[in-house]
C-alpha atoms as a PDB file:
ATOM      1  CA  MET A   1      -3.108 203.086   6.093  1.00  0.00           C
ATOM      2  CA  GLU A   2       0.670 203.102   3.809  1.00  0.00           C
ATOM      3  CA  ARG A   3       0.175 207.084   3.414  1.00  0.00           C
ATOM      4  CA  GLY A   4       0.449 207.562   7.350  1.00  0.00           C
ATOM      5  CA  VAL A   5       3.003 205.604   7.832  1.00  0.00           C
ATOM      6  CA  ALA A   6       5.613 207.201   5.255  1.00  0.00           C
ATOM      7  CA  VAL A   7       4.668 210.684   6.773  1.00  0.00           C
ATOM      8  CA  MET A   8       5.536 208.484   9.805  1.00  0.00           C
ATOM      9  CA  PHE A   9       8.687 207.917   8.984  1.00  0.00           C
ATOM     10  CA  ARG A  10       9.416 211.300   7.002  1.00  0.00           C
ATOM     11  CA  GLY A  11       8.617 213.023  11.010  1.00  0.00           C
ATOM     12  CA  THR A  12      11.087 210.148  12.087  1.00  0.00           C
ATOM     13  CA  ARG A  13      13.415 211.132   9.388  1.00  0.00           C
ATOM     14  CA  ARG A  14      13.092 214.986  10.812  1.00  0.00           C
ATOM     15  CA  LEU A  15      13.374 214.858  14.144  1.00  0.00           C
ATOM     16  CA  SER A  16      16.385 212.041  14.294  1.00  0.00           C
ATOM     17  CA  ALA A  17      17.793 215.007  12.022  1.00  0.00           C
ATOM     18  CA  LEU A  18      16.760 218.103  13.903  1.00  0.00           C
ATOM     19  CA  VAL A  19      18.742 215.568  17.069  1.00  0.00           C
ATOM     20  CA  GLY A  20      21.999 214.815  14.956  1.00  0.00           C
ATOM     21  CA  ALA A  21      21.769 218.679  14.063  1.00  0.00           C
ATOM     22  CA  LEU A  22      21.463 219.859  17.600  1.00  0.00           C
ATOM     23  CA  VAL A  23      23.815 216.985  19.214  1.00  0.00           C
ATOM     24  CA  LEU A  24      26.569 218.403  16.615  1.00  0.00           C
ATOM     25  CA  MET A  25      26.193 221.920  16.917  1.00  0.00           C
ATOM     26  CA  CYS A  26      26.665 221.554  20.942  1.00  0.00           C
ATOM     27  CA  CYS A  27      29.912 219.143  20.409  1.00  0.00           C
ATOM     28  CA  SER A  28      31.402 221.687  17.546  1.00  0.00           C
ATOM     29  CA  LEU A  29      30.739 224.919  20.163  1.00  0.00           C
ATOM     30  CA  ASN A  30      33.309 223.209  22.842  1.00  0.00           C
ATOM     31  CA  ALA A  31      35.790 222.089  20.226  1.00  0.00           C
ATOM     32  CA  LEU A  32      35.618 225.750  18.988  1.00  0.00           C
ATOM     33  CA  SER A  33      36.219 227.010  22.340  1.00  0.00           C
ATOM     34  CA  ALA A  34      39.631 224.915  21.859  1.00  0.00           C
ATOM     35  CA  ASP A  35      40.208 226.134  19.089  1.00  0.00           C
ATOM     36  CA  ARG A  36      42.978 228.934  19.754  1.00  0.00           C
ATOM     37  CA  LEU A  37      46.457 229.295  19.245  1.00  0.00           C
ATOM     38  CA  VAL A  38      48.110 231.377  21.370  1.00  0.00           C
ATOM     39  CA  LEU A  39      51.516 232.925  22.337  1.00  0.00           C
ATOM     40  CA  ILE A  40      53.410 231.386  25.651  1.00  0.00           C
ATOM     41  CA  VAL A  41      55.724 232.136  27.437  1.00  0.00           C
ATOM     42  CA  SER A  42      57.836 231.284  30.584  1.00  0.00           C
ATOM     43  CA  ALA A  43      56.077 231.571  33.910  1.00  0.00           C
ATOM     44  CA  LYS A  44      58.847 232.845  34.651  1.00  0.00           C
ATOM     45  CA  SER A  45      59.453 235.630  31.950  1.00  0.00           C
ATOM     46  CA  PRO A  46      59.075 239.583  32.819  1.00  0.00           C
ATOM     47  CA  VAL A  47      57.074 239.827  29.318  1.00  0.00           C
ATOM     48  CA  THR A  48      54.113 240.736  29.683  1.00  0.00           C
ATOM     49  CA  ALA A  49      52.629 241.876  26.316  1.00  0.00           C
ATOM     50  CA  LEU A  50      53.779 241.306  22.382  1.00  0.00           C
ATOM     51  CA  ASN A  51      52.255 242.888  19.291  1.00  0.00           C
ATOM     52  CA  SER A  52      52.096 241.799  15.361  1.00  0.00           C
ATOM     53  CA  PRO A  53      54.901 243.129  14.346  1.00  0.00           C
ATOM     54  CA  GLU A  54      56.629 241.914  17.436  1.00  0.00           C
ATOM     55  CA  ILE A  55      55.602 238.695  16.572  1.00  0.00           C
ATOM     56  CA  GLN A  56      56.170 238.842  13.270  1.00  0.00           C
ATOM     57  CA  LYS A  57      59.480 240.258  13.533  1.00  0.00           C
ATOM     58  CA  LEU A  58      60.639 237.559  16.329  1.00  0.00           C
ATOM     59  CA  PHE A  59      59.480 234.785  14.063  1.00  0.00           C
ATOM     60  CA  LEU A  60      61.438 235.858  11.179  1.00  0.00           C
ATOM     61  CA  GLY A  61      64.764 236.163  13.334  1.00  0.00           C
ATOM     62  CA  LEU A  62      64.977 239.717  13.771  1.00  0.00           C
ATOM     63  CA  THR A  63      66.380 240.541  17.784  1.00  0.00           C
ATOM     64  CA  VAL A  64      63.459 241.305  19.388  1.00  0.00           C
ATOM     65  CA  ILE A  65      63.774 243.175  23.384  1.00  0.00           C
ATOM     66  CA  THR A  66      61.027 243.534  26.100  1.00  0.00           C
ATOM     67  CA  ALA A  67      61.232 243.994  29.661  1.00  0.00           C
ATOM     68  CA  ASP A  68      65.970 244.047  28.539  1.00  0.00           C
ATOM     69  CA  GLU A  69      64.774 240.424  27.493  1.00  0.00           C
ATOM     70  CA  VAL A  70      66.590 239.250  24.521  1.00  0.00           C
ATOM     71  CA  LEU A  71      63.352 237.092  23.178  1.00  0.00           C
ATOM     72  CA  ARG A  72      64.117 234.186  21.828  1.00  0.00           C
ATOM     73  CA  PRO A  73      61.106 232.276  19.283  1.00  0.00           C
ATOM     74  CA  LEU A  74      60.842 228.272  19.974  1.00  0.00           C
ATOM     75  CA  ARG A  75      58.260 227.470  16.630  1.00  0.00           C
ATOM     76  CA  ASN A  76      55.504 224.642  17.395  1.00  0.00           C
ATOM     77  CA  GLU A  77      55.024 221.997  14.705  1.00  0.00           C
ATOM     78  CA  SER A  78      53.440 219.828  16.307  1.00  0.00           C
ATOM     79  CA  GLU A  79      50.802 219.916  13.450  1.00  0.00           C
ATOM     80  CA  GLU A  80      49.736 220.562  10.361  1.00  0.00           C
ATOM     81  CA  PHE A  81      47.596 222.871  10.843  1.00  0.00           C
ATOM     82  CA  ILE A  82      49.580 224.980  13.545  1.00  0.00           C
ATOM     83  CA  ARG A  83      52.333 225.128  10.356  1.00  0.00           C
ATOM     84  CA  GLN A  84      49.407 226.757   8.197  1.00  0.00           C
ATOM     85  CA  ILE A  85      48.036 228.907  11.304  1.00  0.00           C
ATOM     86  CA  PHE A  86      52.418 230.062  12.146  1.00  0.00           C
ATOM     87  CA  PHE A  87      52.571 231.175   7.971  1.00  0.00           C
ATOM     88  CA  GLN A  88      49.308 232.375   7.293  1.00  0.00           C
ATOM     89  CA  SER A  89      48.075 234.151  10.450  1.00  0.00           C
ATOM     90  CA  ILE A  90      51.834 234.454  12.560  1.00  0.00           C
ATOM     91  CA  VAL A  91      54.245 235.025   9.851  1.00  0.00           C
ATOM     92  CA  SER A  92      51.816 236.074   7.397  1.00  0.00           C
ATOM     93  CA  MET A  93      53.571 234.995   4.296  1.00  0.00           C
ATOM     94  CA  SER A  94      53.784 231.015   2.443  1.00  0.00           C
ATOM     95  CA  GLU A  95      56.396 229.437   3.581  1.00  0.00           C
ATOM     96  CA  SER A  96      58.112 229.383   1.264  1.00  0.00           C
ATOM     97  CA  THR A  97      58.917 233.513   1.490  1.00  0.00           C
ATOM     98  CA  TYR A  98      59.435 233.261   5.124  1.00  0.00           C
ATOM     99  CA  GLU A  99      61.688 230.105   4.227  1.00  0.00           C
ATOM    100  CA  ARG A 100      64.128 232.697   1.488  1.00  0.00           C
ATOM    101  CA  ARG A 101      63.776 235.523   4.137  1.00  0.00           C
ATOM    102  CA  VAL A 102      65.316 233.823   7.268  1.00  0.00           C
ATOM    103  CA  LEU A 103      68.069 231.873   4.943  1.00  0.00           C
ATOM    104  CA  ALA A 104      68.406 235.710   3.618  1.00  0.00           C
ATOM    105  CA  LEU A 105      68.841 236.774   7.402  1.00  0.00           C
ATOM    106  CA  THR A 106      71.409 233.650   7.840  1.00  0.00           C
ATOM    107  CA  LEU A 107      73.661 234.414   5.144  1.00  0.00           C
ATOM    108  CA  GLN A 108      73.872 238.354   5.068  1.00  0.00           C
ATOM    109  CA  GLN A 109      73.655 239.307   9.051  1.00  0.00           C
ATOM    110  CA  GLY A 110      74.349 235.217  10.284  1.00  0.00           C
ATOM    111  CA  ARG A 111      70.828 235.169  12.939  1.00  0.00           C
ATOM    112  CA  THR A 112      69.623 231.452  13.126  1.00  0.00           C
ATOM    113  CA  ALA A 113      66.186 230.000  12.295  1.00  0.00           C
ATOM    114  CA  PRO A 114      64.078 229.342  15.172  1.00  0.00           C
ATOM    115  CA  PRO A 115      64.344 226.436  16.415  1.00  0.00           C
ATOM    116  CA  LEU A 116      61.810 223.660  15.223  1.00  0.00           C
ATOM    117  CA  TYR A 117      59.750 221.592  17.961  1.00  0.00           C
ATOM    118  CA  ARG A 118      57.209 218.823  16.307  1.00  0.00           C
ATOM    119  CA  ASN A 119      56.526 218.060  19.998  1.00  0.00           C
ATOM    120  CA  THR A 120      54.495 219.608  22.479  1.00  0.00           C
ATOM    121  CA  ARG A 121      55.665 218.228  25.801  1.00  0.00           C
ATOM    122  CA  MET A 122      59.467 219.263  24.272  1.00  0.00           C
ATOM    123  CA  LEU A 123      57.807 222.668  23.757  1.00  0.00           C
ATOM    124  CA  LEU A 124      56.199 223.027  26.418  1.00  0.00           C
ATOM    125  CA  ASP A 125      59.002 221.975  28.452  1.00  0.00           C
ATOM    126  CA  ALA A 126      61.988 224.255  26.286  1.00  0.00           C
ATOM    127  CA  VAL A 127      59.369 227.468  27.266  1.00  0.00           C
ATOM    128  CA  ALA A 128      59.301 226.536  30.627  1.00  0.00           C
ATOM    129  CA  ALA A 129      62.907 226.374  31.414  1.00  0.00           C
ATOM    130  CA  ASP A 130      64.103 229.775  29.256  1.00  0.00           C
ATOM    131  CA  PRO A 131      62.661 233.079  29.900  1.00  0.00           C
ATOM    132  CA  ALA A 132      63.372 234.627  27.371  1.00  0.00           C
ATOM    133  CA  ALA A 133      61.714 231.536  25.483  1.00  0.00           C
ATOM    134  CA  VAL A 134      58.346 232.726  23.084  1.00  0.00           C
ATOM    135  CA  SER A 135      56.054 230.378  21.198  1.00  0.00           C
ATOM    136  CA  TYR A 136      52.398 229.350  20.647  1.00  0.00           C
ATOM    137  CA  ALA A 137      50.549 225.697  21.173  1.00  0.00           C
ATOM    138  CA  TRP A 138      46.662 225.329  21.459  1.00  0.00           C
ATOM    139  CA  SER A 139      45.567 227.077  24.811  1.00  0.00           C
ATOM    140  CA  ALA A 140      43.968 223.642  25.860  1.00  0.00           C
ATOM    141  CA  ASP A 141      47.563 222.405  26.094  1.00  0.00           C
ATOM    142  CA  VAL A 142      49.038 224.988  27.743  1.00  0.00           C
ATOM    143  CA  ALA A 143      45.744 225.049  30.539  1.00  0.00           C
ATOM    144  CA  LYS A 144      46.675 223.510  33.024  1.00  0.00           C
ATOM    145  CA  ASP A 145      50.323 224.160  32.861  1.00  0.00           C
ATOM    146  CA  PRO A 146      51.938 226.352  36.062  1.00  0.00           C
ATOM    147  CA  ARG A 147      55.327 226.704  34.104  1.00  0.00           C
ATOM    148  CA  ILE A 148      53.007 227.876  31.031  1.00  0.00           C
ATOM    149  CA  LYS A 149      52.028 231.872  30.953  1.00  0.00           C
ATOM    150  CA  THR A 150      49.937 233.060  27.961  1.00  0.00           C
ATOM    151  CA  LEU A 151      50.319 236.563  26.243  1.00  0.00           C
ATOM    152  CA  ARG A 152      47.614 236.443  24.010  1.00  0.00           C
ATOM    153  CA  VAL A 153      45.341 234.691  21.173  1.00  0.00           C
ATOM    154  CA  LEU A 154      46.748 234.827  18.382  1.00  0.00           C
ATOM    155  CA  TRP A 155      44.022 232.394  15.922  1.00  0.00           C
ATOM    156  CA  HIS A 156      40.793 231.249  17.175  1.00  0.00           C
ATOM    157  CA  GLU A 157      37.954 229.674  14.884  1.00  0.00           C
END
């Protein structure tokens, strides 16, 4: 009889583990769909697309002109994870290398580094107000904002 109880406990543990795994999978699928970093511009912006080299040049402080508009980059530093994605996937260099490149452009050509925003709402307000502004944010943060237009997905999990 004790053996039957032990087997039953083992079966219950397996069932519990299976149910737990299914719940985690369902939750992580929702999280995965929300974990997309997107390139954004104002809904008033004439910009319809930017390729990867243009995005990299823009955030390095170089001049990028699209649709007769000189674009202005705004860096999103609202989360540490977004910062990491920026260096790894958008400019494709380490933070120290990026800072040296931007500083060199500032000293040699008088260019200014892209402004930093540590608050998502303030970033979205700045992008919405300036048709030349280009930035990046989580797709979930911009999905319901009619003032913002998404150009492309920059990173997804």
